[in-house]
Amino acid sequence: MQILHQLHDLYQEPRDRISPWLRRRVQLGLDFNDPRLNPNGGAIAVGHPLGASGARLALAAMRQLERTGGRYALVSLCIGLGQGIACIIERLD
């Protein structure tokens, strides 16, 4: 898990399920005020349509990488009906 913390410039996490969100932060050793965490808000801030918030968060992460010049983003995606998946995005020049 420490490798993930070192590799990523941005973390996007939906906050609709608070306990997994807290557990991931503890596992990654991230401070709750880390500026890389949901810099533009999570799934609720960008809208949370059933099964589509993952795509919205991934797009928000890609745009944030472009703005900041970051290389990697880790996105936690809700894919509907209590299911989830994670995605690592790399910005290429």
N, C-alpha and C. Protein backbone atom coordinates (compact mmCIF):
# COMPACT_ATOMS: atom_id res chain seq x y z
N MET A 1 0.80 -1.19 0.00
CA MET A 1 0.00 0.00 0.00
C MET A 1 0.85 1.26 0.00
N GLN A 2 2.02 1.22 0.62
CA GLN A 2 2.88 2.40 0.66
C GLN A 2 3.32 2.80 -0.75
N ILE A 3 3.50 1.83 -1.63
CA ILE A 3 3.88 2.12 -3.01
C ILE A 3 2.81 2.98 -3.67
N LEU A 4 1.53 2.65 -3.46
CA LEU A 4 0.45 3.45 -4.03
C LEU A 4 0.53 4.89 -3.54
N HIS A 5 0.84 5.06 -2.27
CA HIS A 5 0.93 6.41 -1.71
C HIS A 5 2.02 7.23 -2.40
N GLN A 6 3.12 6.59 -2.76
CA GLN A 6 4.23 7.30 -3.39
C GLN A 6 4.00 7.57 -4.87
N LEU A 7 3.24 6.73 -5.54
CA LEU A 7 3.09 6.83 -6.99
C LEU A 7 2.05 7.84 -7.44
N HIS A 8 1.08 8.13 -6.63
CA HIS A 8 -0.08 8.88 -7.11
C HIS A 8 -0.07 10.34 -6.73
N ASP A 9 -0.45 11.15 -7.72
CA ASP A 9 -0.55 12.59 -7.54
C ASP A 9 -1.95 13.00 -7.12
N LEU A 10 -2.92 12.11 -7.29
CA LEU A 10 -4.32 12.44 -7.06
C LEU A 10 -5.08 11.20 -6.64
N TYR A 11 -5.97 11.34 -5.69
CA TYR A 11 -6.86 10.26 -5.26
C TYR A 11 -8.29 10.75 -5.37
N GLN A 12 -9.14 10.03 -6.07
CA GLN A 12 -10.56 10.36 -6.15
C GLN A 12 -11.32 9.22 -5.49
N GLU A 13 -12.13 9.53 -4.51
CA GLU A 13 -12.89 8.51 -3.80
C GLU A 13 -14.33 8.95 -3.63
N PRO A 14 -15.28 8.06 -3.92
CA PRO A 14 -16.66 8.41 -3.60
C PRO A 14 -16.83 8.39 -2.09
N ARG A 15 -17.60 9.31 -1.57
CA ARG A 15 -17.78 9.36 -0.11
C ARG A 15 -19.16 8.89 0.30
N ASP A 16 -19.83 8.15 -0.55
CA ASP A 16 -21.16 7.68 -0.19
C ASP A 16 -21.12 6.51 0.77
N ARG A 17 -19.99 5.85 0.88
CA ARG A 17 -19.82 4.74 1.83
C ARG A 17 -18.63 5.08 2.71
N ILE A 18 -18.89 5.62 3.88
CA ILE A 18 -17.84 6.22 4.70
C ILE A 18 -16.85 5.22 5.28
N SER A 19 -17.26 4.03 5.70
CA SER A 19 -16.29 3.14 6.36
C SER A 19 -15.21 2.62 5.42
N PRO A 20 -15.50 2.20 4.18
CA PRO A 20 -14.39 1.82 3.29
C PRO A 20 -13.47 3.00 2.98
N TRP A 21 -14.04 4.17 2.88
CA TRP A 21 -13.27 5.39 2.61
C TRP A 21 -12.28 5.64 3.74
N LEU A 22 -12.73 5.53 4.98
CA LEU A 22 -11.84 5.72 6.12
C LEU A 22 -10.77 4.64 6.16
N ARG A 23 -11.15 3.39 5.90
CA ARG A 23 -10.20 2.28 5.93
C ARG A 23 -9.09 2.47 4.89
N ARG A 24 -9.45 2.90 3.68
CA ARG A 24 -8.44 3.12 2.63
C ARG A 24 -7.45 4.20 3.04
N ARG A 25 -7.95 5.25 3.64
CA ARG A 25 -7.05 6.33 4.07
C ARG A 25 -6.07 5.84 5.12
N VAL A 26 -6.54 5.05 6.06
CA VAL A 26 -5.66 4.51 7.10
C VAL A 26 -4.65 3.56 6.47
N GLN A 27 -5.10 2.66 5.57
CA GLN A 27 -4.20 1.71 4.93
C GLN A 27 -3.11 2.41 4.12
N LEU A 28 -3.46 3.49 3.45
CA LEU A 28 -2.49 4.23 2.64
C LEU A 28 -1.66 5.21 3.45
N GLY A 29 -2.02 5.39 4.72
CA GLY A 29 -1.29 6.31 5.58
C GLY A 29 -1.46 7.77 5.17
N LEU A 30 -2.64 8.11 4.65
CA LEU A 30 -2.89 9.47 4.17
C LEU A 30 -3.48 10.34 5.26
N ASP A 31 -3.00 11.57 5.33
CA ASP A 31 -3.55 12.57 6.24
C ASP A 31 -4.94 12.96 5.72
N PHE A 32 -5.85 13.24 6.63
CA PHE A 32 -7.20 13.62 6.22
C PHE A 32 -7.24 14.98 5.52
N ASN A 33 -6.20 15.77 5.63
CA ASN A 33 -6.13 17.06 4.94
C ASN A 33 -5.18 17.03 3.75
N ASP A 34 -4.83 15.84 3.26
CA ASP A 34 -3.94 15.71 2.11
C ASP A 34 -4.58 16.39 0.90
N PRO A 35 -3.90 17.36 0.28
CA PRO A 35 -4.50 18.10 -0.84
C PRO A 35 -4.74 17.25 -2.09
N ARG A 36 -4.19 16.05 -2.14
CA ARG A 36 -4.41 15.18 -3.31
C ARG A 36 -5.75 14.46 -3.24
N LEU A 37 -6.39 14.46 -2.09
CA LEU A 37 -7.63 13.72 -1.92
C LEU A 37 -8.83 14.55 -2.35
N ASN A 38 -9.51 14.08 -3.38
CA ASN A 38 -10.72 14.73 -3.90
C ASN A 38 -10.59 16.25 -3.95
N PRO A 39 -9.61 16.77 -4.70
CA PRO A 39 -9.41 18.22 -4.71
C PRO A 39 -10.61 19.00 -5.24
N ASN A 40 -11.44 18.36 -6.04
CA ASN A 40 -12.63 19.02 -6.59
C ASN A 40 -13.92 18.43 -6.05
N GLY A 41 -13.82 17.67 -4.97
CA GLY A 41 -15.00 17.02 -4.40
C GLY A 41 -15.11 15.59 -4.88
N GLY A 42 -15.86 14.78 -4.17
CA GLY A 42 -16.05 13.38 -4.52
C GLY A 42 -17.31 13.17 -5.34
N ALA A 43 -17.84 11.95 -5.29
CA ALA A 43 -18.99 11.58 -6.11
C ALA A 43 -20.21 12.43 -5.82
N ILE A 44 -20.42 12.79 -4.58
CA ILE A 44 -21.59 13.59 -4.24
C ILE A 44 -21.46 14.99 -4.83
N ALA A 45 -20.26 15.56 -4.79
CA ALA A 45 -20.04 16.91 -5.31
C ALA A 45 -20.22 16.98 -6.82
N VAL A 46 -19.81 15.94 -7.54
CA VAL A 46 -19.91 15.97 -9.01
C VAL A 46 -21.18 15.31 -9.52
N GLY A 47 -22.02 14.83 -8.61
CA GLY A 47 -23.24 14.12 -8.99
C GLY A 47 -23.02 12.63 -8.86
N HIS A 48 -24.03 11.93 -8.45
CA HIS A 48 -23.88 10.50 -8.16
C HIS A 48 -24.99 9.68 -8.83
N PRO A 49 -25.08 9.72 -10.17
CA PRO A 49 -26.08 8.89 -10.84
C PRO A 49 -25.71 7.42 -10.73
N LEU A 50 -26.69 6.57 -10.55
CA LEU A 50 -26.46 5.14 -10.35
C LEU A 50 -25.60 4.56 -11.47
N GLY A 51 -24.44 4.04 -11.09
CA GLY A 51 -23.56 3.37 -12.04
C GLY A 51 -22.74 4.28 -12.93
N ALA A 52 -22.89 5.60 -12.77
CA ALA A 52 -22.17 6.51 -13.66
C ALA A 52 -21.20 7.44 -12.93
N SER A 53 -21.24 7.45 -11.61
CA SER A 53 -20.33 8.36 -10.90
C SER A 53 -18.88 7.98 -11.11
N GLY A 54 -18.61 6.70 -11.33
CA GLY A 54 -17.24 6.26 -11.60
C GLY A 54 -16.66 6.93 -12.83
N ALA A 55 -17.44 6.99 -13.89
CA ALA A 55 -16.99 7.64 -15.12
C ALA A 55 -16.76 9.13 -14.88
N ARG A 56 -17.63 9.74 -14.11
CA ARG A 56 -17.49 11.17 -13.82
C ARG A 56 -16.24 11.44 -12.98
N LEU A 57 -15.98 10.58 -11.98
CA LEU A 57 -14.79 10.76 -11.15
C LEU A 57 -13.52 10.53 -11.97
N ALA A 58 -13.54 9.52 -12.86
CA ALA A 58 -12.36 9.25 -13.70
C ALA A 58 -12.07 10.45 -14.61
N LEU A 59 -13.10 11.02 -15.20
CA LEU A 59 -12.91 12.19 -16.05
C LEU A 59 -12.40 13.38 -15.24
N ALA A 60 -12.96 13.58 -14.04
CA ALA A 60 -12.49 14.67 -13.17
C ALA A 60 -11.02 14.46 -12.81
N ALA A 61 -10.62 13.22 -12.56
CA ALA A 61 -9.22 12.92 -12.23
C ALA A 61 -8.31 13.21 -13.43
N MET A 62 -8.75 12.83 -14.63
CA MET A 62 -7.94 13.09 -15.82
C MET A 62 -7.75 14.59 -16.04
N ARG A 63 -8.81 15.34 -15.86
CA ARG A 63 -8.71 16.80 -16.03
C ARG A 63 -7.81 17.42 -14.97
N GLN A 64 -7.90 16.91 -13.74
CA GLN A 64 -7.04 17.42 -12.67
C GLN A 64 -5.57 17.13 -12.96
N LEU A 65 -5.27 15.93 -13.49
CA LEU A 65 -3.89 15.61 -13.86
C LEU A 65 -3.38 16.56 -14.93
N GLU A 66 -4.23 16.90 -15.90
CA GLU A 66 -3.83 17.85 -16.94
C GLU A 66 -3.54 19.22 -16.34
N ARG A 67 -4.41 19.68 -15.42
CA ARG A 67 -4.24 21.00 -14.82
C ARG A 67 -2.97 21.10 -13.98
N THR A 68 -2.68 20.03 -13.22
CA THR A 68 -1.57 20.08 -12.26
C THR A 68 -0.27 19.52 -12.81
N GLY A 69 -0.34 18.83 -13.95
CA GLY A 69 0.86 18.20 -14.49
C GLY A 69 1.21 16.91 -13.78
N GLY A 70 0.28 16.39 -12.98
CA GLY A 70 0.51 15.13 -12.27
C GLY A 70 0.61 13.97 -13.24
N ARG A 71 1.12 12.85 -12.78
CA ARG A 71 1.29 11.69 -13.66
C ARG A 71 0.27 10.60 -13.40
N TYR A 72 0.01 10.27 -12.12
CA TYR A 72 -0.88 9.17 -11.78
C TYR A 72 -2.05 9.62 -10.94
N ALA A 73 -3.17 8.96 -11.12
CA ALA A 73 -4.34 9.15 -10.25
C ALA A 73 -4.90 7.78 -9.90
N LEU A 74 -5.32 7.63 -8.67
CA LEU A 74 -6.01 6.43 -8.21
C LEU A 74 -7.46 6.82 -7.98
N VAL A 75 -8.38 6.16 -8.69
CA VAL A 75 -9.79 6.51 -8.60
C VAL A 75 -10.56 5.30 -8.09
N SER A 76 -11.34 5.50 -7.05
CA SER A 76 -12.22 4.47 -6.51
C SER A 76 -13.59 4.71 -7.11
N LEU A 77 -14.09 3.74 -7.86
CA LEU A 77 -15.30 3.92 -8.66
C LEU A 77 -16.47 3.11 -8.13
N CYS A 78 -17.61 3.77 -7.98
CA CYS A 78 -18.85 3.06 -7.69
C CYS A 78 -19.41 2.63 -9.05
N ILE A 79 -19.76 1.37 -9.19
CA ILE A 79 -20.28 0.91 -10.47
C ILE A 79 -21.73 0.45 -10.36
N GLY A 80 -22.39 0.88 -9.29
CA GLY A 80 -23.82 0.62 -9.15
C GLY A 80 -24.15 -0.54 -8.25
N LEU A 81 -25.24 -0.38 -7.52
CA LEU A 81 -25.83 -1.43 -6.67
C LEU A 81 -24.83 -2.02 -5.68
N GLY A 82 -24.03 -1.17 -5.06
CA GLY A 82 -23.11 -1.61 -4.01
C GLY A 82 -21.81 -2.22 -4.50
N GLN A 83 -21.57 -2.18 -5.78
CA GLN A 83 -20.33 -2.74 -6.32
C GLN A 83 -19.31 -1.62 -6.51
N GLY A 84 -18.05 -1.99 -6.55
CA GLY A 84 -17.01 -0.99 -6.75
C GLY A 84 -15.79 -1.58 -7.41
N ILE A 85 -14.96 -0.71 -7.93
CA ILE A 85 -13.73 -1.11 -8.59
C ILE A 85 -12.75 0.06 -8.48
N ALA A 86 -11.49 -0.20 -8.61
CA ALA A 86 -10.48 0.86 -8.58
C ALA A 86 -9.81 0.96 -9.94
N CYS A 87 -9.33 2.16 -10.25
CA CYS A 87 -8.71 2.42 -11.54
C CYS A 87 -7.49 3.31 -11.32
N ILE A 88 -6.37 2.95 -11.93
CA ILE A 88 -5.18 3.80 -11.90
C ILE A 88 -5.05 4.43 -13.29
N ILE A 89 -4.95 5.74 -13.31
CA ILE A 89 -4.85 6.48 -14.56
C ILE A 89 -3.46 7.10 -14.65
N GLU A 90 -2.83 6.98 -15.83
CA GLU A 90 -1.53 7.60 -16.05
C GLU A 90 -1.67 8.64 -17.16
N ARG A 91 -1.23 9.86 -16.88
CA ARG A 91 -1.24 10.91 -17.90
C ARG A 91 0.01 10.75 -18.75
N LEU A 92 -0.17 10.67 -20.06
CA LEU A 92 0.94 10.56 -21.00
C LEU A 92 1.16 11.90 -21.68
N ASP A 93 2.40 12.23 -21.93
CA ASP A 93 2.70 13.51 -22.61
C ASP A 93 2.48 13.39 -24.10
